[in-house]
Amino acid sequence: MLSEVFIQCPYCGETITVFPDPSLDGQNYIEDCTVCCRPIELHLSVDGDGDALVTARRDDD
């Protein structure tokens, strides 16, 4: 089940919504910011309760 996760864009600082798939535990993927359109590198992990945890960073870091 996809859940809504709010993250802060590491480029423009705006809060955006992503819908990570918790079956992809430990995955990295790129998603463009819906505000500034820059590519954000997202790392997905799943906690013990099955909730998705998303870490966002700049693609150029």
N, C-alpha and C. Protein backbone atom coordinates (compact mmCIF):
# COMPACT_ATOMS: atom_id res chain seq x y z
N MET A 1 0.84 -1.18 0.00
CA MET A 1 0.00 0.00 0.00
C MET A 1 0.88 1.24 0.00
N LEU A 2 0.60 2.17 -0.89
CA LEU A 2 1.36 3.41 -0.96
C LEU A 2 0.88 4.36 0.12
N SER A 3 1.82 5.00 0.78
CA SER A 3 1.46 5.97 1.80
C SER A 3 2.04 7.33 1.41
N GLU A 4 1.42 8.36 1.89
CA GLU A 4 1.82 9.73 1.61
C GLU A 4 2.93 10.12 2.58
N VAL A 5 4.05 10.63 2.04
CA VAL A 5 5.16 11.08 2.87
C VAL A 5 5.52 12.50 2.43
N PHE A 6 5.68 13.39 3.40
CA PHE A 6 6.05 14.77 3.10
C PHE A 6 7.56 14.91 3.29
N ILE A 7 8.22 15.49 2.29
CA ILE A 7 9.66 15.72 2.38
C ILE A 7 9.93 17.18 2.01
N GLN A 8 11.10 17.65 2.37
CA GLN A 8 11.51 19.00 2.00
C GLN A 8 12.50 18.89 0.85
N CYS A 9 12.23 19.63 -0.23
CA CYS A 9 13.14 19.62 -1.38
C CYS A 9 14.49 20.19 -0.94
N PRO A 10 15.58 19.47 -1.21
CA PRO A 10 16.90 19.96 -0.81
C PRO A 10 17.40 21.12 -1.68
N TYR A 11 16.69 21.45 -2.74
CA TYR A 11 17.06 22.57 -3.60
C TYR A 11 16.30 23.84 -3.23
N CYS A 12 14.96 23.78 -3.32
CA CYS A 12 14.15 24.99 -3.12
C CYS A 12 13.57 25.11 -1.71
N GLY A 13 13.61 24.04 -0.92
CA GLY A 13 13.13 24.07 0.45
C GLY A 13 11.63 23.88 0.61
N GLU A 14 10.90 23.75 -0.49
CA GLU A 14 9.45 23.55 -0.40
C GLU A 14 9.13 22.14 0.07
N THR A 15 8.04 22.01 0.78
CA THR A 15 7.55 20.70 1.21
C THR A 15 6.75 20.10 0.07
N ILE A 16 7.11 18.88 -0.31
CA ILE A 16 6.39 18.19 -1.38
C ILE A 16 5.95 16.82 -0.87
N THR A 17 5.04 16.22 -1.59
CA THR A 17 4.50 14.92 -1.22
C THR A 17 5.02 13.86 -2.17
N VAL A 18 5.50 12.75 -1.62
CA VAL A 18 5.89 11.60 -2.43
C VAL A 18 5.09 10.40 -1.94
N PHE A 19 4.95 9.42 -2.80
CA PHE A 19 4.18 8.21 -2.48
C PHE A 19 5.07 6.98 -2.67
N PRO A 20 5.97 6.72 -1.69
CA PRO A 20 6.88 5.59 -1.83
C PRO A 20 6.18 4.25 -1.69
N ASP A 21 6.72 3.26 -2.37
CA ASP A 21 6.21 1.89 -2.30
C ASP A 21 7.02 1.15 -1.23
N PRO A 22 6.42 0.82 -0.08
CA PRO A 22 7.17 0.19 1.01
C PRO A 22 7.73 -1.19 0.66
N SER A 23 7.31 -1.77 -0.45
CA SER A 23 7.88 -3.06 -0.85
C SER A 23 9.29 -2.87 -1.44
N LEU A 24 9.72 -1.62 -1.60
CA LEU A 24 11.04 -1.33 -2.17
C LEU A 24 12.06 -0.98 -1.08
N ASP A 25 12.00 -1.60 0.06
CA ASP A 25 12.88 -1.31 1.19
C ASP A 25 14.35 -1.29 0.74
N GLY A 26 15.05 -0.23 1.14
CA GLY A 26 16.46 -0.10 0.84
C GLY A 26 16.76 0.41 -0.56
N GLN A 27 15.77 0.91 -1.25
CA GLN A 27 15.96 1.36 -2.63
C GLN A 27 16.28 2.85 -2.70
N ASN A 28 17.01 3.23 -3.74
CA ASN A 28 17.25 4.62 -4.08
C ASN A 28 16.59 4.88 -5.42
N TYR A 29 15.98 6.04 -5.55
CA TYR A 29 15.42 6.42 -6.84
C TYR A 29 15.38 7.94 -6.94
N ILE A 30 15.19 8.43 -8.15
CA ILE A 30 15.17 9.85 -8.43
C ILE A 30 13.73 10.27 -8.72
N GLU A 31 13.33 11.38 -8.11
CA GLU A 31 12.02 11.95 -8.39
C GLU A 31 12.21 13.47 -8.49
N ASP A 32 11.60 14.07 -9.50
CA ASP A 32 11.71 15.51 -9.68
C ASP A 32 10.83 16.25 -8.69
N CYS A 33 11.34 17.37 -8.18
CA CYS A 33 10.56 18.23 -7.30
C CYS A 33 9.38 18.79 -8.10
N THR A 34 8.20 18.76 -7.53
CA THR A 34 7.02 19.28 -8.22
C THR A 34 6.98 20.80 -8.24
N VAL A 35 7.87 21.45 -7.50
CA VAL A 35 7.92 22.91 -7.47
C VAL A 35 9.01 23.45 -8.38
N CYS A 36 10.27 22.99 -8.17
CA CYS A 36 11.39 23.54 -8.94
C CYS A 36 11.88 22.61 -10.05
N CYS A 37 11.32 21.42 -10.12
CA CYS A 37 11.62 20.43 -11.18
C CYS A 37 13.04 19.87 -11.15
N ARG A 38 13.78 20.08 -10.09
CA ARG A 38 15.12 19.51 -9.99
C ARG A 38 15.05 18.07 -9.49
N PRO A 39 16.02 17.24 -9.87
CA PRO A 39 16.00 15.83 -9.48
C PRO A 39 16.43 15.63 -8.03
N ILE A 40 15.59 14.97 -7.25
CA ILE A 40 15.88 14.68 -5.85
C ILE A 40 16.19 13.19 -5.75
N GLU A 41 17.30 12.86 -5.09
CA GLU A 41 17.63 11.46 -4.85
C GLU A 41 16.95 11.05 -3.55
N LEU A 42 16.09 10.05 -3.64
CA LEU A 42 15.34 9.57 -2.49
C LEU A 42 15.85 8.20 -2.08
N HIS A 43 16.03 8.01 -0.78
CA HIS A 43 16.39 6.70 -0.24
C HIS A 43 15.21 6.24 0.60
N LEU A 44 14.72 5.06 0.31
CA LEU A 44 13.56 4.51 1.00
C LEU A 44 13.99 3.37 1.92
N SER A 45 13.53 3.45 3.16
CA SER A 45 13.68 2.32 4.09
C SER A 45 12.34 2.12 4.78
N VAL A 46 12.15 0.96 5.35
CA VAL A 46 10.90 0.63 6.01
C VAL A 46 11.20 0.29 7.46
N ASP A 47 10.47 0.91 8.39
CA ASP A 47 10.72 0.63 9.81
C ASP A 47 10.01 -0.66 10.24
N GLY A 48 10.15 -1.03 11.49
CA GLY A 48 9.59 -2.27 12.01
C GLY A 48 8.08 -2.36 11.94
N ASP A 49 7.41 -1.21 11.88
CA ASP A 49 5.95 -1.18 11.78
C ASP A 49 5.47 -1.21 10.33
N GLY A 50 6.42 -1.23 9.38
CA GLY A 50 6.06 -1.25 7.97
C GLY A 50 5.84 0.13 7.37
N ASP A 51 6.18 1.17 8.13
CA ASP A 51 6.04 2.53 7.62
C ASP A 51 7.25 2.92 6.79
N ALA A 52 7.00 3.63 5.69
CA ALA A 52 8.08 4.07 4.80
C ALA A 52 8.78 5.29 5.39
N LEU A 53 10.10 5.25 5.39
CA LEU A 53 10.93 6.36 5.81
C LEU A 53 11.71 6.81 4.58
N VAL A 54 11.63 8.09 4.26
CA VAL A 54 12.26 8.60 3.04
C VAL A 54 13.27 9.68 3.42
N THR A 55 14.48 9.54 2.88
CA THR A 55 15.52 10.54 3.03
C THR A 55 15.75 11.18 1.67
N ALA A 56 15.75 12.51 1.63
CA ALA A 56 15.92 13.23 0.37
C ALA A 56 17.25 13.98 0.38
N ARG A 57 17.93 13.94 -0.78
CA ARG A 57 19.16 14.72 -0.91
C ARG A 57 19.32 15.18 -2.34
N ARG A 58 20.18 16.14 -2.51
CA ARG A 58 20.44 16.68 -3.85
C ARG A 58 21.09 15.61 -4.72
N ASP A 59 20.72 15.60 -5.96
CA ASP A 59 21.29 14.63 -6.91
C ASP A 59 22.76 14.95 -7.20
N ASP A 60 23.17 16.19 -6.99
CA ASP A 60 24.55 16.59 -7.31
C ASP A 60 25.48 16.55 -6.11
N ASP A 61 25.03 16.02 -4.96
CA ASP A 61 25.89 15.90 -3.76
C ASP A 61 26.79 14.69 -3.88
